[in-house]
Amino acid sequence: LPLLMLMDFVSLRFFWGGWHRPSVLALM
């Protein structure tokens, strides 16, 4: 889990804002 969280942190900035907002909210 801590390693996956680190991967998320590294990856997130490269894809920031490009997501489908309704899907993000529903899945979360």
PDB file of all heavy atoms in Angstrom:
ATOM      1  N   LEU A   1       0.804  -1.227   0.000  1.00  0.00           N
ATOM      2  CA  LEU A   1       0.000   0.000   0.000  1.00  0.00           C
ATOM      3  C   LEU A   1       0.838   1.278   0.000  1.00  0.00           C
ATOM      4  O   LEU A   1       0.589   2.171  -0.819  1.00  0.00           O
ATOM      5  CB  LEU A   1      -0.990   0.004   1.172  1.00  0.00           C
ATOM      6  CG  LEU A   1      -1.895   1.236   1.193  1.00  0.00           C
ATOM      7  CD1 LEU A   1      -2.729   1.337  -0.080  1.00  0.00           C
ATOM      8  CD2 LEU A   1      -2.804   1.245   2.419  1.00  0.00           C
ATOM      9  N   PRO A   2       1.827   1.455   0.896  1.00  0.00           N
ATOM     10  CA  PRO A   2       2.612   2.693   0.827  1.00  0.00           C
ATOM     11  C   PRO A   2       3.312   2.876  -0.522  1.00  0.00           C
ATOM     12  O   PRO A   2       3.447   4.013  -1.008  1.00  0.00           O
ATOM     13  CB  PRO A   2       3.640   2.524   1.957  1.00  0.00           C
ATOM     14  CG  PRO A   2       3.000   1.576   2.912  1.00  0.00           C
ATOM     15  CD  PRO A   2       2.249   0.613   2.048  1.00  0.00           C
ATOM     16  N   LEU A   3       3.730   1.779  -1.142  1.00  0.00           N
ATOM     17  CA  LEU A   3       4.387   1.873  -2.447  1.00  0.00           C
ATOM     18  C   LEU A   3       3.396   2.288  -3.526  1.00  0.00           C
ATOM     19  O   LEU A   3       3.714   3.100  -4.405  1.00  0.00           O
ATOM     20  CB  LEU A   3       5.030   0.533  -2.798  1.00  0.00           C
ATOM     21  CG  LEU A   3       6.127   0.068  -1.834  1.00  0.00           C
ATOM     22  CD1 LEU A   3       6.546  -1.363  -2.149  1.00  0.00           C
ATOM     23  CD2 LEU A   3       7.337   0.998  -1.891  1.00  0.00           C
ATOM     24  N   LEU A   4       2.176   1.736  -3.474  1.00  0.00           N
ATOM     25  CA  LEU A   4       1.151   2.133  -4.434  1.00  0.00           C
ATOM     26  C   LEU A   4       0.784   3.603  -4.256  1.00  0.00           C
ATOM     27  O   LEU A   4       0.547   4.320  -5.238  1.00  0.00           O
ATOM     28  CB  LEU A   4      -0.087   1.248  -4.275  1.00  0.00           C
ATOM     29  CG  LEU A   4       0.097  -0.229  -4.617  1.00  0.00           C
ATOM     30  CD1 LEU A   4      -1.160  -1.020  -4.260  1.00  0.00           C
ATOM     31  CD2 LEU A   4       0.440  -0.423  -6.088  1.00  0.00           C
ATOM     32  N   MET A   5       0.747   4.076  -3.007  1.00  0.00           N
ATOM     33  CA  MET A   5       0.458   5.483  -2.752  1.00  0.00           C
ATOM     34  C   MET A   5       1.558   6.370  -3.315  1.00  0.00           C
ATOM     35  O   MET A   5       1.291   7.460  -3.855  1.00  0.00           O
ATOM     36  CB  MET A   5       0.278   5.712  -1.257  1.00  0.00           C
ATOM     37  CG  MET A   5      -0.950   5.016  -0.683  1.00  0.00           C
ATOM     38  SD  MET A   5      -1.072   5.115   1.125  1.00  0.00           S
ATOM     39  CE  MET A   5      -1.519   6.837   1.324  1.00  0.00           C
ATOM     40  N   LEU A   6       2.789   5.919  -3.210  1.00  0.00           N
ATOM     41  CA  LEU A   6       3.910   6.671  -3.788  1.00  0.00           C
ATOM     42  C   LEU A   6       3.795   6.711  -5.308  1.00  0.00           C
ATOM     43  O   LEU A   6       4.018   7.764  -5.937  1.00  0.00           O
ATOM     44  CB  LEU A   6       5.225   6.032  -3.362  1.00  0.00           C
ATOM     45  CG  LEU A   6       6.516   6.665  -3.894  1.00  0.00           C
ATOM     46  CD1 LEU A   6       6.610   8.130  -3.481  1.00  0.00           C
ATOM     47  CD2 LEU A   6       7.735   5.888  -3.396  1.00  0.00           C
ATOM     48  N   MET A   7       3.442   5.586  -5.921  1.00  0.00           N
ATOM     49  CA  MET A   7       3.241   5.554  -7.374  1.00  0.00           C
ATOM     50  C   MET A   7       2.124   6.511  -7.791  1.00  0.00           C
ATOM     51  O   MET A   7       2.227   7.209  -8.805  1.00  0.00           O
ATOM     52  CB  MET A   7       2.895   4.136  -7.819  1.00  0.00           C
ATOM     53  CG  MET A   7       3.986   3.110  -7.600  1.00  0.00           C
ATOM     54  SD  MET A   7       3.328   1.434  -7.911  1.00  0.00           S
ATOM     55  CE  MET A   7       4.582   0.431  -7.118  1.00  0.00           C
ATOM     56  N   ASP A   8       1.027   6.528  -7.014  1.00  0.00           N
ATOM     57  CA  ASP A   8      -0.078   7.439  -7.303  1.00  0.00           C
ATOM     58  C   ASP A   8       0.415   8.888  -7.289  1.00  0.00           C
ATOM     59  O   ASP A   8       0.071   9.689  -8.157  1.00  0.00           O
ATOM     60  CB  ASP A   8      -1.190   7.289  -6.254  1.00  0.00           C
ATOM     61  CG  ASP A   8      -1.898   5.950  -6.317  1.00  0.00           C
ATOM     62  OD1 ASP A   8      -1.962   5.363  -7.413  1.00  0.00           O
ATOM     63  OD2 ASP A   8      -2.385   5.494  -5.272  1.00  0.00           O
ATOM     64  N   PHE A   9       1.203   9.227  -6.276  1.00  0.00           N
ATOM     65  CA  PHE A   9       1.703  10.600  -6.134  1.00  0.00           C
ATOM     66  C   PHE A   9       2.570  10.992  -7.322  1.00  0.00           C
ATOM     67  O   PHE A   9       2.453  12.106  -7.855  1.00  0.00           O
ATOM     68  CB  PHE A   9       2.505  10.714  -4.831  1.00  0.00           C
ATOM     69  CG  PHE A   9       3.098  12.073  -4.602  1.00  0.00           C
ATOM     70  CD1 PHE A   9       2.311  13.118  -4.162  1.00  0.00           C
ATOM     71  CD2 PHE A   9       4.451  12.291  -4.836  1.00  0.00           C
ATOM     72  CE1 PHE A   9       2.864  14.382  -3.955  1.00  0.00           C
ATOM     73  CE2 PHE A   9       5.007  13.549  -4.638  1.00  0.00           C
ATOM     74  CZ  PHE A   9       4.206  14.594  -4.189  1.00  0.00           C
ATOM     75  N   VAL A  10       3.433  10.068  -7.761  1.00  0.00           N
ATOM     76  CA  VAL A  10       4.320  10.352  -8.894  1.00  0.00           C
ATOM     77  C   VAL A  10       3.517  10.500 -10.183  1.00  0.00           C
ATOM     78  O   VAL A  10       3.764  11.410 -10.991  1.00  0.00           O
ATOM     79  CB  VAL A  10       5.372   9.237  -9.045  1.00  0.00           C
ATOM     80  CG1 VAL A  10       6.176   9.415 -10.334  1.00  0.00           C
ATOM     81  CG2 VAL A  10       6.315   9.230  -7.838  1.00  0.00           C
ATOM     82  N   SER A  11       2.522   9.629 -10.368  1.00  0.00           N
ATOM     83  CA  SER A  11       1.776   9.601 -11.627  1.00  0.00           C
ATOM     84  C   SER A  11       0.758  10.729 -11.744  1.00  0.00           C
ATOM     85  O   SER A  11       0.471  11.209 -12.848  1.00  0.00           O
ATOM     86  CB  SER A  11       1.037   8.258 -11.762  1.00  0.00           C
ATOM     87  OG  SER A  11       1.917   7.170 -11.678  1.00  0.00           O
ATOM     88  N   LEU A  12       0.211  11.162 -10.608  1.00  0.00           N
ATOM     89  CA  LEU A  12      -0.947  12.048 -10.632  1.00  0.00           C
ATOM     90  C   LEU A  12      -0.676  13.355 -11.362  1.00  0.00           C
ATOM     91  O   LEU A  12      -1.520  13.840 -12.129  1.00  0.00           O
ATOM     92  CB  LEU A  12      -1.404  12.322  -9.195  1.00  0.00           C
ATOM     93  CG  LEU A  12      -2.737  13.058  -9.027  1.00  0.00           C
ATOM     94  CD1 LEU A  12      -3.874  12.286  -9.684  1.00  0.00           C
ATOM     95  CD2 LEU A  12      -3.035  13.267  -7.537  1.00  0.00           C
ATOM     96  N   ARG A  13       0.499  13.932 -11.149  1.00  0.00           N
ATOM     97  CA  ARG A  13       0.745  15.255 -11.732  1.00  0.00           C
ATOM     98  C   ARG A  13       0.821  15.218 -13.256  1.00  0.00           C
ATOM     99  O   ARG A  13       0.559  16.222 -13.910  1.00  0.00           O
ATOM    100  CB  ARG A  13       2.022  15.863 -11.152  1.00  0.00           C
ATOM    101  CG  ARG A  13       3.327  15.246 -11.621  1.00  0.00           C
ATOM    102  CD  ARG A  13       4.505  15.915 -10.921  1.00  0.00           C
ATOM    103  NE  ARG A  13       5.783  15.501 -11.473  1.00  0.00           N
ATOM    104  CZ  ARG A  13       6.394  16.139 -12.453  1.00  0.00           C
ATOM    105  NH1 ARG A  13       5.836  17.205 -13.028  1.00  0.00           N
ATOM    106  NH2 ARG A  13       7.573  15.725 -12.907  1.00  0.00           N
ATOM    107  N   PHE A  14       1.140  14.054 -13.823  1.00  0.00           N
ATOM    108  CA  PHE A  14       1.239  13.948 -15.277  1.00  0.00           C
ATOM    109  C   PHE A  14      -0.146  13.886 -15.935  1.00  0.00           C
ATOM    110  O   PHE A  14      -0.266  14.129 -17.139  1.00  0.00           O
ATOM    111  CB  PHE A  14       2.047  12.713 -15.664  1.00  0.00           C
ATOM    112  CG  PHE A  14       3.496  12.799 -15.289  1.00  0.00           C
ATOM    113  CD1 PHE A  14       3.966  12.194 -14.127  1.00  0.00           C
ATOM    114  CD2 PHE A  14       4.403  13.493 -16.078  1.00  0.00           C
ATOM    115  CE1 PHE A  14       5.295  12.270 -13.767  1.00  0.00           C
ATOM    116  CE2 PHE A  14       5.738  13.573 -15.732  1.00  0.00           C
ATOM    117  CZ  PHE A  14       6.185  12.963 -14.573  1.00  0.00           C
ATOM    118  N   PHE A  15      -1.164  13.534 -15.163  1.00  0.00           N
ATOM    119  CA  PHE A  15      -2.504  13.388 -15.721  1.00  0.00           C
ATOM    120  C   PHE A  15      -3.512  14.315 -15.043  1.00  0.00           C
ATOM    121  O   PHE A  15      -4.707  14.137 -15.179  1.00  0.00           O
ATOM    122  CB  PHE A  15      -2.964  11.927 -15.583  1.00  0.00           C
ATOM    123  CG  PHE A  15      -2.099  10.945 -16.313  1.00  0.00           C
ATOM    124  CD1 PHE A  15      -1.098  10.239 -15.643  1.00  0.00           C
ATOM    125  CD2 PHE A  15      -2.255  10.740 -17.676  1.00  0.00           C
ATOM    126  CE1 PHE A  15      -0.295   9.336 -16.312  1.00  0.00           C
ATOM    127  CE2 PHE A  15      -1.459   9.833 -18.356  1.00  0.00           C
ATOM    128  CZ  PHE A  15      -0.471   9.144 -17.679  1.00  0.00           C
ATOM    129  N   TRP A  16      -2.998  15.320 -14.325  1.00  0.00           N
ATOM    130  CA  TRP A  16      -3.854  16.182 -13.515  1.00  0.00           C
ATOM    131  C   TRP A  16      -4.903  16.887 -14.383  1.00  0.00           C
ATOM    132  O   TRP A  16      -4.586  17.505 -15.389  1.00  0.00           O
ATOM    133  CB  TRP A  16      -3.013  17.215 -12.773  1.00  0.00           C
ATOM    134  CG  TRP A  16      -3.845  18.015 -11.811  1.00  0.00           C
ATOM    135  CD1 TRP A  16      -4.394  19.242 -12.001  1.00  0.00           C
ATOM    136  CD2 TRP A  16      -4.236  17.606 -10.498  1.00  0.00           C
ATOM    137  NE1 TRP A  16      -5.109  19.639 -10.908  1.00  0.00           N
ATOM    138  CE2 TRP A  16      -5.028  18.653  -9.958  1.00  0.00           C
ATOM    139  CE3 TRP A  16      -3.993  16.454  -9.730  1.00  0.00           C
ATOM    140  CZ2 TRP A  16      -5.574  18.572  -8.684  1.00  0.00           C
ATOM    141  CZ3 TRP A  16      -4.539  16.396  -8.466  1.00  0.00           C
ATOM    142  CH2 TRP A  16      -5.308  17.449  -7.956  1.00  0.00           C
ATOM    143  N   GLY A  17      -6.167  16.784 -13.948  1.00  0.00           N
ATOM    144  CA  GLY A  17      -7.251  17.495 -14.593  1.00  0.00           C
ATOM    145  C   GLY A  17      -7.805  16.844 -15.836  1.00  0.00           C
ATOM    146  O   GLY A  17      -8.805  17.316 -16.394  1.00  0.00           O
ATOM    147  N   GLY A  18      -7.208  15.731 -16.283  1.00  0.00           N
ATOM    148  CA  GLY A  18      -7.663  15.111 -17.523  1.00  0.00           C
ATOM    149  C   GLY A  18      -8.742  14.067 -17.340  1.00  0.00           C
ATOM    150  O   GLY A  18      -9.144  13.416 -18.299  1.00  0.00           O
ATOM    151  N   TRP A  19      -9.236  13.910 -16.117  1.00  0.00           N
ATOM    152  CA  TRP A  19     -10.169  12.839 -15.823  1.00  0.00           C
ATOM    153  C   TRP A  19     -11.607  13.202 -16.175  1.00  0.00           C
ATOM    154  O   TRP A  19     -11.947  14.372 -16.424  1.00  0.00           O
ATOM    155  CB  TRP A  19     -10.088  12.464 -14.347  1.00  0.00           C
ATOM    156  CG  TRP A  19     -10.139  13.640 -13.412  1.00  0.00           C
ATOM    157  CD1 TRP A  19     -11.233  14.383 -13.072  1.00  0.00           C
ATOM    158  CD2 TRP A  19      -9.029  14.210 -12.713  1.00  0.00           C
ATOM    159  NE1 TRP A  19     -10.889  15.368 -12.198  1.00  0.00           N
ATOM    160  CE2 TRP A  19      -9.540  15.287 -11.955  1.00  0.00           C
ATOM    161  CE3 TRP A  19      -7.659  13.907 -12.628  1.00  0.00           C
ATOM    162  CZ2 TRP A  19      -8.724  16.073 -11.122  1.00  0.00           C
ATOM    163  CZ3 TRP A  19      -6.856  14.697 -11.816  1.00  0.00           C
ATOM    164  CH2 TRP A  19      -7.387  15.763 -11.080  1.00  0.00           C
ATOM    165  N   HIS A  20     -12.470  12.160 -16.167  1.00  0.00           N
ATOM    166  CA  HIS A  20     -13.912  12.335 -16.377  1.00  0.00           C
ATOM    167  C   HIS A  20     -14.538  12.560 -15.007  1.00  0.00           C
ATOM    168  O   HIS A  20     -14.670  11.624 -14.210  1.00  0.00           O
ATOM    169  CB  HIS A  20     -14.492  11.089 -17.051  1.00  0.00           C
ATOM    170  CG  HIS A  20     -15.943  11.206 -17.370  1.00  0.00           C
ATOM    171  ND1 HIS A  20     -16.891  10.352 -16.856  1.00  0.00           N
ATOM    172  CD2 HIS A  20     -16.620  12.098 -18.148  1.00  0.00           C
ATOM    173  CE1 HIS A  20     -18.085  10.689 -17.305  1.00  0.00           C
ATOM    174  NE2 HIS A  20     -17.957  11.751 -18.083  1.00  0.00           N
ATOM    175  N   ARG A  21     -14.925  13.778 -14.724  1.00  0.00           N
ATOM    176  CA  ARG A  21     -15.320  14.178 -13.375  1.00  0.00           C
ATOM    177  C   ARG A  21     -16.474  13.351 -12.799  1.00  0.00           C
ATOM    178  O   ARG A  21     -16.382  12.879 -11.660  1.00  0.00           O
ATOM    179  CB  ARG A  21     -15.668  15.663 -13.367  1.00  0.00           C
ATOM    180  CG  ARG A  21     -16.012  16.204 -11.986  1.00  0.00           C
ATOM    181  CD  ARG A  21     -16.287  17.698 -12.056  1.00  0.00           C
ATOM    182  NE  ARG A  21     -16.723  18.212 -10.773  1.00  0.00           N
ATOM    183  CZ  ARG A  21     -15.914  18.572  -9.790  1.00  0.00           C
ATOM    184  NH1 ARG A  21     -14.609  18.487  -9.966  1.00  0.00           N
ATOM    185  NH2 ARG A  21     -16.374  19.032  -8.643  1.00  0.00           N
ATOM    186  N   PRO A  22     -17.584  13.141 -13.535  1.00  0.00           N
ATOM    187  CA  PRO A  22     -18.674  12.340 -12.943  1.00  0.00           C
ATOM    188  C   PRO A  22     -18.232  10.930 -12.546  1.00  0.00           C
ATOM    189  O   PRO A  22     -18.614  10.422 -11.489  1.00  0.00           O
ATOM    190  CB  PRO A  22     -19.735  12.311 -14.048  1.00  0.00           C
ATOM    191  CG  PRO A  22     -19.454  13.511 -14.881  1.00  0.00           C
ATOM    192  CD  PRO A  22     -17.964  13.660 -14.860  1.00  0.00           C
ATOM    193  N   SER A  23     -17.416  10.290 -13.390  1.00  0.00           N
ATOM    194  CA  SER A  23     -16.938   8.942 -13.074  1.00  0.00           C
ATOM    195  C   SER A  23     -16.059   8.959 -11.828  1.00  0.00           C
ATOM    196  O   SER A  23     -16.145   8.051 -10.982  1.00  0.00           O
ATOM    197  CB  SER A  23     -16.164   8.361 -14.257  1.00  0.00           C
ATOM    198  OG  SER A  23     -16.999   8.156 -15.363  1.00  0.00           O
ATOM    199  N   VAL A  24     -15.219   9.966 -11.723  1.00  0.00           N
ATOM    200  CA  VAL A  24     -14.340  10.084 -10.549  1.00  0.00           C
ATOM    201  C   VAL A  24     -15.175  10.178  -9.277  1.00  0.00           C
ATOM    202  O   VAL A  24     -14.941   9.454  -8.294  1.00  0.00           O
ATOM    203  CB  VAL A  24     -13.413  11.307 -10.683  1.00  0.00           C
ATOM    204  CG1 VAL A  24     -12.728  11.616  -9.352  1.00  0.00           C
ATOM    205  CG2 VAL A  24     -12.371  11.068 -11.761  1.00  0.00           C
ATOM    206  N   LEU A  25     -16.152  11.059  -9.268  1.00  0.00           N
ATOM    207  CA  LEU A  25     -16.964  11.256  -8.069  1.00  0.00           C
ATOM    208  C   LEU A  25     -17.754   9.999  -7.717  1.00  0.00           C
ATOM    209  O   LEU A  25     -17.832   9.603  -6.546  1.00  0.00           O
ATOM    210  CB  LEU A  25     -17.909  12.434  -8.276  1.00  0.00           C
ATOM    211  CG  LEU A  25     -17.248  13.820  -8.385  1.00  0.00           C
ATOM    212  CD1 LEU A  25     -18.285  14.891  -8.700  1.00  0.00           C
ATOM    213  CD2 LEU A  25     -16.509  14.166  -7.097  1.00  0.00           C
ATOM    214  N   ALA A  26     -18.362   9.365  -8.725  1.00  0.00           N
ATOM    215  CA  ALA A  26     -19.163   8.164  -8.456  1.00  0.00           C
ATOM    216  C   ALA A  26     -18.301   7.026  -7.919  1.00  0.00           C
ATOM    217  O   ALA A  26     -18.681   6.357  -6.946  1.00  0.00           O
ATOM    218  CB  ALA A  26     -19.881   7.733  -9.735  1.00  0.00           C
ATOM    219  N   LEU A  27     -17.160   6.791  -8.532  1.00  0.00           N
ATOM    220  CA  LEU A  27     -16.298   5.701  -8.082  1.00  0.00           C
ATOM    221  C   LEU A  27     -15.739   5.967  -6.691  1.00  0.00           C
ATOM    222  O   LEU A  27     -15.654   5.056  -5.857  1.00  0.00           O
ATOM    223  CB  LEU A  27     -15.156   5.487  -9.087  1.00  0.00           C
ATOM    224  CG  LEU A  27     -15.558   4.910 -10.441  1.00  0.00           C
ATOM    225  CD1 LEU A  27     -14.371   4.911 -11.395  1.00  0.00           C
ATOM    226  CD2 LEU A  27     -16.115   3.497 -10.294  1.00  0.00           C
ATOM    227  N   MET A  28     -15.375   7.217  -6.418  1.00  0.00           N
ATOM    228  CA  MET A  28     -14.845   7.545  -5.091  1.00  0.00           C
ATOM    229  C   MET A  28     -15.898   7.337  -4.007  1.00  0.00           C
ATOM    230  O   MET A  28     -15.630   6.715  -2.968  1.00  0.00           O
ATOM    231  CB  MET A  28     -14.347   8.987  -5.067  1.00  0.00           C
ATOM    232  CG  MET A  28     -13.022   9.220  -5.766  1.00  0.00           C
ATOM    233  SD  MET A  28     -12.537  10.968  -5.620  1.00  0.00           S
ATOM    234  CE  MET A  28     -10.902  10.931  -6.370  1.00  0.00           C
TER     235      MET A  28
END
